Amino acid sequence: MAIFFVFKIRTSCAECGEGMVLEGPRVEAKCAACNSVLSVPADSWKNMFSFRQFTSEFGLTEGKTRGSSLGSGEQKFLVSWGPQRPLCIHCDTLLDLSGAPPGTNGEVLCACGKTTPTFPPPPWLAQCDPNVMQIFGAPRESPPGVTPVSSAAPAGLSLVSFACPDCGANLKVTPDSARVLRCTYCQNDSFLPDPLWRALHPVRKRTPFFVAFR
């Protein structure tokens, strides 16, 4: 019989210090701020998942979570964890898993009409922690060097008009614009202020994913 837990994990980039959300098990993650690639060893995942052994000690029941931290070299992982059957990533309703036995690689349909991804553990994780049976609600792992598509990327603004501080020209700023923006009229560089930058690049909150253990 499977035992289900929910995890939400945040760390920070060792190169620039920007916060990073780990949406699910993977051996590397890319920093959105400086594009550095963070290595997340299999042993770190095993240690984070091992927090579940303290469930009884902390008196956790389904739906109750606890915050813990794990240090590994330069990296520190902030982990929210607790017993919880998988929920729909769109409406937080309990999923019917009758059609998604361990080993399923597909989607679980919710009564809301939307789906939640599910897949067995990747080989590196199954080898490191044989107790992991199935993962729910996380993006599937991409090949090394390929950034995975976020399952819960925050929506920011798509286009903002910004007045050049030097000449007053109307500049169009998009999420793809550099933080230091060159005016196409006076050719002077301007550093985009924090409120504008954050409106285009919203701060990401931790998102839950669920793991079935033996």
Protein backbone atom coordinates (compact mmCIF):
# COMPACT_ATOMS: atom_id res chain seq x y z
CA MET A 1 0.00 0.00 0.00
CA ALA A 2 1.35 3.41 -0.96
CA ILE A 3 1.96 6.22 1.52
CA PHE A 4 1.65 9.72 0.06
CA PHE A 5 3.54 12.88 0.99
CA VAL A 6 3.55 16.44 -0.31
CA PHE A 7 6.75 18.47 -0.75
CA LYS A 8 7.46 22.13 -1.50
CA ILE A 9 11.15 22.99 -1.92
CA ARG A 10 13.09 26.21 -2.32
CA THR A 11 16.82 26.83 -2.55
CA SER A 12 19.01 29.64 -3.83
CA CYS A 13 21.50 29.98 -6.64
CA ALA A 14 25.05 29.50 -5.39
CA GLU A 15 26.33 32.00 -7.98
CA CYS A 16 23.96 34.98 -7.64
CA GLY A 17 21.91 34.19 -4.52
CA GLU A 18 18.54 34.44 -6.29
CA GLY A 19 15.80 32.17 -4.94
CA MET A 20 14.98 29.03 -6.92
CA VAL A 21 11.92 26.75 -6.71
CA LEU A 22 12.38 23.02 -7.23
CA GLU A 23 9.06 21.82 -8.63
CA GLY A 24 9.98 18.14 -8.56
CA PRO A 25 12.87 15.68 -8.56
CA ARG A 26 15.61 16.49 -11.06
CA VAL A 27 19.39 16.39 -10.95
CA GLU A 28 19.84 19.95 -12.18
CA ALA A 29 17.89 23.20 -12.23
CA LYS A 30 18.53 26.48 -14.02
CA CYS A 31 18.60 29.84 -12.25
CA ALA A 32 16.22 32.24 -13.99
CA ALA A 33 18.28 35.23 -12.86
CA CYS A 34 21.82 34.38 -14.00
CA ASN A 35 21.24 31.17 -16.05
CA SER A 36 23.63 29.18 -13.87
CA VAL A 37 22.85 25.46 -13.63
CA LEU A 38 22.42 24.11 -10.13
CA SER A 39 23.31 20.48 -9.49
CA VAL A 40 20.94 18.65 -7.15
CA PRO A 41 22.54 15.27 -6.32
CA ALA A 42 20.38 12.20 -5.93
CA ASP A 43 21.51 11.87 -2.31
CA SER A 44 20.07 15.32 -1.57
CA TRP A 45 16.67 14.18 -2.82
CA LYS A 46 16.90 11.01 -0.77
CA ASN A 47 17.71 13.04 2.34
CA MET A 48 14.87 15.50 1.71
CA PHE A 49 12.42 12.65 1.22
CA SER A 50 13.68 10.98 4.40
CA PHE A 51 12.09 13.75 6.48
CA ARG A 52 8.94 11.61 6.29
CA GLN A 53 10.35 9.26 8.92
CA PHE A 54 9.66 11.97 11.52
CA THR A 55 5.92 12.14 10.77
CA SER A 56 4.89 10.44 14.00
CA GLU A 57 7.43 12.37 16.07
CA PHE A 58 5.89 15.67 14.99
CA GLY A 59 2.32 14.37 15.16
CA LEU A 60 1.60 15.13 11.51
CA THR A 61 -1.67 13.95 10.02
CA GLU A 62 -2.91 14.31 6.46
CA GLY A 63 -2.91 17.92 5.39
CA LYS A 64 -0.48 19.03 8.11
CA THR A 65 3.01 20.05 7.04
CA ARG A 66 6.27 20.98 8.68
CA GLY A 67 9.17 23.11 7.52
CA SER A 68 12.65 21.60 7.56
CA SER A 69 16.01 22.48 6.07
CA LEU A 70 18.83 20.48 4.57
CA GLY A 71 22.36 21.71 4.06
CA SER A 72 24.65 20.26 1.40
CA GLY A 73 27.91 22.11 0.77
CA GLU A 74 27.06 25.60 -0.50
CA GLN A 75 23.42 24.68 -0.92
CA LYS A 76 20.60 24.92 1.60
CA PHE A 77 17.20 23.47 0.80
CA LEU A 78 14.05 24.71 2.56
CA VAL A 79 11.51 21.89 2.55
CA SER A 80 7.84 21.94 3.49
CA TRP A 81 6.62 18.34 3.82
CA GLY A 82 3.84 16.25 5.31
CA PRO A 83 1.44 13.36 4.66
CA GLN A 84 -0.99 14.22 1.88
CA ARG A 85 -2.71 12.30 -0.89
CA PRO A 86 -2.22 13.91 -4.32
CA LEU A 87 -4.31 16.98 -5.08
CA CYS A 88 -5.23 18.53 -8.41
CA ILE A 89 -2.63 21.20 -9.19
CA HIS A 90 -5.43 23.45 -10.48
CA CYS A 91 -8.22 23.23 -7.86
CA ASP A 92 -6.65 21.41 -4.85
CA THR A 93 -9.24 18.63 -4.97
CA LEU A 94 -8.24 15.06 -4.07
CA LEU A 95 -7.45 13.10 -7.21
CA ASP A 96 -9.00 9.75 -8.05
CA LEU A 97 -5.95 7.53 -8.54
CA SER A 98 -7.84 4.38 -9.50
CA GLY A 99 -6.76 4.86 -13.11
CA ALA A 100 -3.15 5.73 -12.30
CA PRO A 101 -1.43 2.73 -10.68
CA PRO A 102 2.34 2.87 -10.00
CA GLY A 103 4.23 2.97 -13.27
CA THR A 104 1.69 5.18 -15.03
CA ASN A 105 3.23 7.83 -17.25
CA GLY A 106 0.44 10.22 -18.18
CA GLU A 107 -2.19 12.51 -16.70
CA VAL A 108 -4.79 12.15 -13.95
CA LEU A 109 -8.12 13.77 -14.83
CA CYS A 110 -9.79 15.81 -12.07
CA ALA A 111 -13.52 16.49 -11.72
CA CYS A 112 -12.70 20.12 -12.59
CA GLY A 113 -11.85 18.94 -16.11
CA LYS A 114 -8.12 19.61 -15.90
CA THR A 115 -5.28 17.14 -15.55
CA THR A 116 -2.31 16.63 -13.23
CA PRO A 117 0.84 14.93 -14.56
CA THR A 118 2.03 11.68 -13.01
CA PHE A 119 5.00 9.47 -13.80
CA PRO A 120 7.23 6.85 -12.16
CA PRO A 121 10.53 7.96 -10.60
CA PRO A 122 13.37 8.51 -13.07
CA PRO A 123 16.02 5.74 -12.96
CA TRP A 124 18.52 7.80 -10.97
CA LEU A 125 15.93 8.42 -8.23
CA ALA A 126 14.64 4.84 -8.19
CA GLN A 127 18.20 3.61 -7.74
CA CYS A 128 18.96 6.08 -4.97
CA ASP A 129 15.65 5.68 -3.11
CA PRO A 130 13.85 2.42 -4.05
CA ASN A 131 10.91 3.39 -1.82
CA VAL A 132 9.74 6.05 -4.30
CA MET A 133 6.87 4.59 -6.35
CA GLN A 134 5.22 7.46 -8.23
CA ILE A 135 5.29 11.25 -8.58
CA PHE A 136 2.30 13.55 -9.06
CA GLY A 137 2.04 17.23 -9.97
CA ALA A 138 5.66 17.85 -10.96
CA PRO A 139 6.95 18.70 -14.46
CA ARG A 140 8.62 15.74 -16.11
CA GLU A 141 12.39 15.83 -15.97
CA SER A 142 14.07 17.20 -19.09
CA PRO A 143 17.33 15.90 -20.56
CA PRO A 144 20.50 17.46 -19.08
CA GLY A 145 21.02 20.99 -20.36
CA VAL A 146 17.33 21.50 -21.24
CA THR A 147 15.26 23.71 -18.96
CA PRO A 148 11.96 22.03 -18.01
CA VAL A 149 8.68 23.83 -18.67
CA SER A 150 7.20 25.05 -15.40
CA SER A 151 3.80 23.65 -14.44
CA ALA A 152 2.95 26.74 -12.45
CA ALA A 153 4.86 29.68 -13.90
CA PRO A 154 3.46 32.98 -12.56
CA ALA A 155 1.89 35.27 -15.13
CA GLY A 156 3.53 38.65 -15.45
CA LEU A 157 2.92 41.66 -17.71
CA SER A 158 3.70 41.20 -21.39
CA LEU A 159 4.43 44.81 -22.41
CA VAL A 160 5.11 48.01 -20.45
CA SER A 161 5.75 51.55 -21.63
CA PHE A 162 8.76 53.11 -19.88
CA ALA A 163 9.93 56.70 -20.19
CA CYS A 164 13.66 57.11 -20.72
CA PRO A 165 14.99 59.05 -17.67
CA ASP A 166 17.33 61.07 -19.91
CA CYS A 167 15.28 62.07 -22.94
CA GLY A 168 11.74 61.03 -22.00
CA ALA A 169 11.28 58.79 -25.04
CA ASN A 170 8.60 56.12 -24.79
CA LEU A 171 10.34 52.72 -24.63
CA LYS A 172 8.59 49.37 -24.84
CA VAL A 173 9.75 46.88 -22.21
CA THR A 174 8.92 43.17 -22.37
CA PRO A 175 9.89 40.15 -20.21
CA ASP A 176 12.68 39.47 -22.72
CA SER A 177 14.21 42.95 -22.28
CA ALA A 178 17.55 43.23 -20.49
CA ARG A 179 17.61 44.73 -16.98
CA VAL A 180 19.93 47.45 -18.33
CA LEU A 181 17.94 48.93 -21.21
CA ARG A 182 19.46 51.11 -23.93
CA CYS A 183 17.29 53.94 -25.23
CA THR A 184 16.87 53.68 -28.98
CA TYR A 185 16.71 57.49 -29.22
CA CYS A 186 19.48 58.95 -27.01
CA GLN A 187 21.50 55.71 -26.72
CA ASN A 188 21.84 56.08 -22.94
CA ASP A 189 21.49 53.04 -20.68
CA SER A 190 18.88 52.84 -17.91
CA PHE A 191 18.60 50.30 -15.08
CA LEU A 192 14.98 49.15 -14.86
CA PRO A 193 13.61 49.81 -11.34
CA ASP A 194 12.65 46.90 -9.07
CA PRO A 195 8.82 47.43 -9.23
CA LEU A 196 8.87 47.31 -13.03
CA TRP A 197 11.25 44.35 -13.18
CA ARG A 198 9.17 42.35 -10.68
CA ALA A 199 5.96 43.15 -12.58
CA LEU A 200 7.53 41.59 -15.67
CA HIS A 201 9.21 38.78 -13.71
CA PRO A 202 6.97 37.89 -10.73
CA VAL A 203 8.58 36.24 -7.73
CA ARG A 204 7.87 32.53 -7.83
CA LYS A 205 6.30 30.82 -4.84
CA ARG A 206 6.97 27.21 -3.96
CA THR A 207 4.61 24.80 -5.69
CA PRO A 208 3.62 21.41 -4.25
CA PHE A 209 4.31 18.03 -5.76
CA PHE A 210 3.34 14.65 -4.34
CA VAL A 211 5.27 11.43 -3.94
CA ALA A 212 3.97 7.89 -3.36
CA PHE A 213 6.27 5.75 -1.22
CA ARG A 214 6.26 2.05 -0.47
